[in-house]
Amino acid sequence: MKPIKLVIADDHELFRNGLKELLKKYDDVDVVNLVEDGEEFMNYIDINQDIDIVLLDITMPNMDGFEVLDKIKSVNPRIKPIIISMHDEGNYIAKCAKKGAYSYLLKNTDQEELIKVVRIVNEGRKYFSHSISEKMINYMSENPVSDNILSNKETEVLELISKGHTTKKIAEMLYVSARTIETHRANVLKKLKAKNTAELIKKAVKLKLIT
């Protein structure tokens, strides 16, 4: 049986390398590449088609995990994405599931769970643990999971604004310039026809763009 060819897409070098070292213990897994953002991953699979699974972070510079999920099917539908993220909120899980993720793991997942999920997903089966499924179902029972007028990056910036983070802090968290965040903020204000941050948050909550 040929090994599972796997790519790790995460913007934290220590985490990428740690995952690779962990998976090297298993003879049926071959980590063929490490990439630091979605754009690099998409460029890689455009040339290298023989990939089975990607371990995919959500929050990455240049192209985030949501955008990768949107694009991956048109480039190589045989690749099965497994999200591995620090976000445990139901809206993140539901959105990833809707966009075609085969599984959703948290970054504190132990190695036995990780390799189990990799093997299950490689067989073409989806796997969501009880706790992850519960978070997703609880969210979906109260909020319709639908695409909105905001881009993935705009939605992410909006959520961080709603949590009270400054432009400088958001820029640091997303590894982009403050000017980029200001541009996203201006676009969100325009799209939601809001005059200021308070009005923006109020409209976003009403439209269920944030929780």
Protein backbone atom coordinates (compact mmCIF):
# COMPACT_ATOMS: atom_id res chain seq x y z
CA MET A 1 0.00 0.00 0.00
CA LYS A 2 1.42 3.37 -0.99
CA PRO A 3 1.83 5.96 1.80
CA ILE A 4 -0.62 8.81 2.28
CA LYS A 5 0.88 11.88 0.63
CA LEU A 6 0.24 14.84 2.90
CA VAL A 7 0.96 18.58 2.87
CA ILE A 8 0.97 20.78 5.99
CA ALA A 9 -0.19 24.37 5.45
CA ASP A 10 0.35 26.56 8.51
CA ASP A 11 2.02 29.93 9.01
CA HIS A 12 3.83 28.94 12.21
CA GLU A 13 7.15 27.26 11.43
CA LEU A 14 7.51 25.50 14.78
CA PHE A 15 4.03 24.00 14.48
CA ARG A 16 4.63 22.86 10.88
CA ASN A 17 7.90 21.21 11.78
CA GLY A 18 6.45 19.67 14.92
CA LEU A 19 3.61 18.06 12.96
CA LYS A 20 6.05 16.74 10.40
CA GLU A 21 8.25 15.14 13.06
CA LEU A 22 5.20 13.60 14.72
CA LEU A 23 3.89 12.11 11.47
CA LYS A 24 7.32 10.76 10.50
CA LYS A 25 6.70 8.04 13.09
CA TYR A 26 4.08 6.45 10.85
CA ASP A 27 5.18 4.42 7.82
CA ASP A 28 1.87 4.93 6.02
CA VAL A 29 2.21 8.76 5.95
CA ASP A 30 4.58 10.74 3.75
CA VAL A 31 4.73 14.50 4.48
CA VAL A 32 5.72 15.75 1.03
CA ASN A 33 5.77 19.50 1.68
CA LEU A 34 5.40 22.25 4.29
CA VAL A 35 3.92 25.60 3.23
CA GLU A 36 3.29 28.77 5.20
CA ASP A 37 0.13 30.11 3.54
CA GLY A 38 -2.73 29.21 1.24
CA GLU A 39 -1.22 30.88 -1.80
CA GLU A 40 1.94 28.79 -1.55
CA PHE A 41 -0.18 25.66 -1.13
CA MET A 42 -2.31 26.37 -4.19
CA ASN A 43 0.81 27.05 -6.27
CA TYR A 44 2.29 23.76 -5.08
CA ILE A 45 -0.72 21.58 -5.92
CA ASP A 46 -1.06 23.26 -9.29
CA ILE A 47 2.19 21.51 -10.20
CA ASN A 48 2.09 18.50 -7.87
CA GLN A 49 -1.20 16.69 -8.39
CA ASP A 50 -0.51 13.47 -6.49
CA ILE A 51 -1.55 14.73 -3.04
CA ASP A 52 -4.03 12.92 -0.79
CA ILE A 53 -4.52 15.18 2.22
CA VAL A 54 -3.74 18.71 3.39
CA LEU A 55 -3.60 19.64 7.06
CA LEU A 56 -4.88 23.18 6.74
CA ASP A 57 -4.81 26.09 9.16
CA ILE A 58 -7.53 28.74 8.87
CA THR A 59 -5.74 31.96 9.79
CA MET A 60 -2.84 32.43 7.36
CA PRO A 61 -1.47 35.43 5.45
CA ASN A 62 -2.03 35.99 1.71
CA MET A 63 -4.72 33.31 1.39
CA ASP A 64 -6.52 31.88 4.41
CA GLY A 65 -7.93 28.40 4.92
CA PHE A 66 -11.47 29.41 3.93
CA GLU A 67 -10.20 30.64 0.57
CA VAL A 68 -8.25 27.43 0.03
CA LEU A 69 -11.39 25.39 0.69
CA ASP A 70 -13.20 27.50 -1.91
CA LYS A 71 -10.52 26.93 -4.56
CA ILE A 72 -9.18 23.45 -3.94
CA LYS A 73 -12.00 21.51 -5.62
CA SER A 74 -11.50 23.26 -8.93
CA VAL A 75 -7.74 22.63 -8.88
CA ASN A 76 -7.60 19.08 -7.50
CA PRO A 77 -10.83 17.57 -6.13
CA ARG A 78 -9.08 14.41 -4.95
CA ILE A 79 -7.27 16.30 -2.17
CA LYS A 80 -9.10 15.92 1.12
CA PRO A 81 -8.69 18.90 3.50
CA ILE A 82 -8.43 18.44 7.25
CA ILE A 83 -8.67 21.70 9.17
CA ILE A 84 -6.35 21.99 12.14
CA SER A 85 -6.96 25.24 13.99
CA MET A 86 -6.90 27.03 17.32
CA HIS A 87 -10.46 28.28 16.70
CA ASP A 88 -13.11 26.15 18.43
CA GLU A 89 -16.10 28.40 17.72
CA GLY A 90 -19.12 26.83 16.04
CA ASN A 91 -19.19 29.38 13.23
CA TYR A 92 -15.66 28.43 12.11
CA ILE A 93 -16.44 24.72 12.24
CA ALA A 94 -19.75 25.05 10.38
CA LYS A 95 -18.25 27.25 7.70
CA CYS A 96 -15.39 24.82 7.08
CA ALA A 97 -17.78 21.85 6.95
CA LYS A 98 -19.97 23.68 4.46
CA LYS A 99 -16.96 24.46 2.29
CA GLY A 100 -15.94 20.79 2.09
CA ALA A 101 -13.56 20.08 4.97
CA TYR A 102 -13.36 16.37 5.74
CA SER A 103 -12.54 16.94 9.39
CA TYR A 104 -11.91 19.71 11.91
CA LEU A 105 -9.24 19.30 14.56
CA LEU A 106 -7.99 21.64 17.24
CA LYS A 107 -4.28 22.30 17.60
CA ASN A 108 -4.20 20.59 20.98
CA THR A 109 -5.35 17.28 19.42
CA ASP A 110 -3.15 14.37 20.54
CA GLN A 111 -1.18 12.34 18.04
CA GLU A 112 -3.35 9.22 18.32
CA GLU A 113 -6.42 11.22 17.34
CA LEU A 114 -4.53 12.96 14.54
CA ILE A 115 -3.28 9.79 12.85
CA LYS A 116 -6.68 8.14 13.29
CA VAL A 117 -8.36 11.05 11.49
CA VAL A 118 -5.75 11.13 8.72
CA ARG A 119 -6.37 7.43 8.02
CA ILE A 120 -10.15 7.77 8.14
CA VAL A 121 -10.16 10.77 5.81
CA ASN A 122 -7.76 9.08 3.41
CA GLU A 123 -10.44 6.41 2.94
CA GLY A 124 -12.80 9.14 1.76
CA ARG A 125 -14.81 9.34 4.98
CA LYS A 126 -15.52 12.51 6.93
CA TYR A 127 -14.84 12.66 10.65
CA PHE A 128 -15.96 15.20 13.24
CA SER A 129 -15.52 14.33 16.90
CA HIS A 130 -18.45 14.48 19.28
CA SER A 131 -17.32 17.77 20.84
CA ILE A 132 -16.66 19.40 17.46
CA SER A 133 -19.99 18.16 16.07
CA GLU A 134 -21.81 19.49 19.13
CA LYS A 135 -20.31 22.96 18.70
CA MET A 136 -21.24 22.96 15.01
CA ILE A 137 -24.80 21.72 15.59
CA ASN A 138 -25.41 24.20 18.39
CA TYR A 139 -24.29 27.04 16.15
CA MET A 140 -26.25 25.87 13.11
CA SER A 141 -29.43 25.43 15.13
CA GLU A 142 -29.45 29.15 15.80
CA ASN A 143 -27.61 30.58 12.80
CA PRO A 144 -28.04 29.74 9.12
CA VAL A 145 -24.66 28.96 7.56
CA SER A 146 -24.67 30.96 4.37
CA ASP A 147 -22.23 32.96 2.30
CA ASN A 148 -22.37 36.68 2.90
CA ILE A 149 -21.40 39.80 1.03
CA LEU A 150 -18.08 40.01 2.89
CA SER A 151 -14.94 38.21 1.79
CA ASN A 152 -13.35 35.67 4.12
CA LYS A 153 -10.66 38.14 5.11
CA GLU A 154 -13.19 40.94 5.67
CA THR A 155 -15.25 38.62 7.88
CA GLU A 156 -12.15 37.73 9.88
CA VAL A 157 -11.24 41.40 10.34
CA LEU A 158 -14.83 42.19 11.31
CA GLU A 159 -14.79 39.50 14.00
CA LEU A 160 -11.55 40.87 15.44
CA ILE A 161 -12.92 44.43 15.38
CA SER A 162 -16.00 43.20 17.25
CA LYS A 163 -13.73 41.80 19.96
CA GLY A 164 -12.27 45.26 20.53
CA HIS A 165 -8.87 44.79 18.91
CA THR A 166 -7.15 47.86 17.47
CA THR A 167 -6.04 48.15 13.85
CA LYS A 168 -2.43 47.70 14.93
CA LYS A 169 -3.23 44.57 16.96
CA ILE A 170 -5.30 43.02 14.14
CA ALA A 171 -2.46 43.70 11.69
CA GLU A 172 -0.05 41.91 14.03
CA MET A 173 -2.43 38.97 14.48
CA LEU A 174 -2.95 38.54 10.72
CA TYR A 175 0.66 39.32 9.74
CA VAL A 176 -0.28 42.17 7.42
CA SER A 177 0.20 45.94 7.45
CA ALA A 178 -2.05 48.34 9.35
CA ARG A 179 -2.92 49.94 6.00
CA THR A 180 -4.26 46.58 4.75
CA ILE A 181 -6.50 46.29 7.81
CA GLU A 182 -7.75 49.85 7.32
CA THR A 183 -8.64 48.96 3.73
CA HIS A 184 -10.58 45.89 4.88
CA ARG A 185 -12.33 47.97 7.53
CA ALA A 186 -13.31 50.63 5.00
CA ASN A 187 -14.67 47.97 2.66
CA VAL A 188 -16.73 46.39 5.43
CA LEU A 189 -18.16 49.76 6.46
CA LYS A 190 -19.10 50.45 2.85
CA LYS A 191 -20.67 47.03 2.22
CA LEU A 192 -22.74 47.16 5.41
CA LYS A 193 -23.51 50.85 4.92
CA ALA A 194 -22.30 51.69 8.41
CA LYS A 195 -20.97 55.09 9.47
CA ASN A 196 -18.85 54.01 12.41
CA THR A 197 -17.68 50.98 14.37
CA ALA A 198 -20.65 50.92 16.74
CA GLU A 199 -23.11 50.91 13.86
CA LEU A 200 -20.99 48.34 12.04
CA ILE A 201 -21.09 45.89 14.95
CA LYS A 202 -24.82 46.39 15.41
CA LYS A 203 -25.55 45.64 11.75
CA ALA A 204 -23.14 42.70 11.67
CA VAL A 205 -24.86 41.07 14.65
CA LYS A 206 -28.29 41.66 13.14
CA LEU A 207 -27.17 40.04 9.87
CA LYS A 208 -25.57 37.18 11.85
CA LEU A 209 -22.17 37.88 10.32
CA ILE A 210 -20.68 37.70 13.79
CA THR A 211 -21.87 36.17 17.05
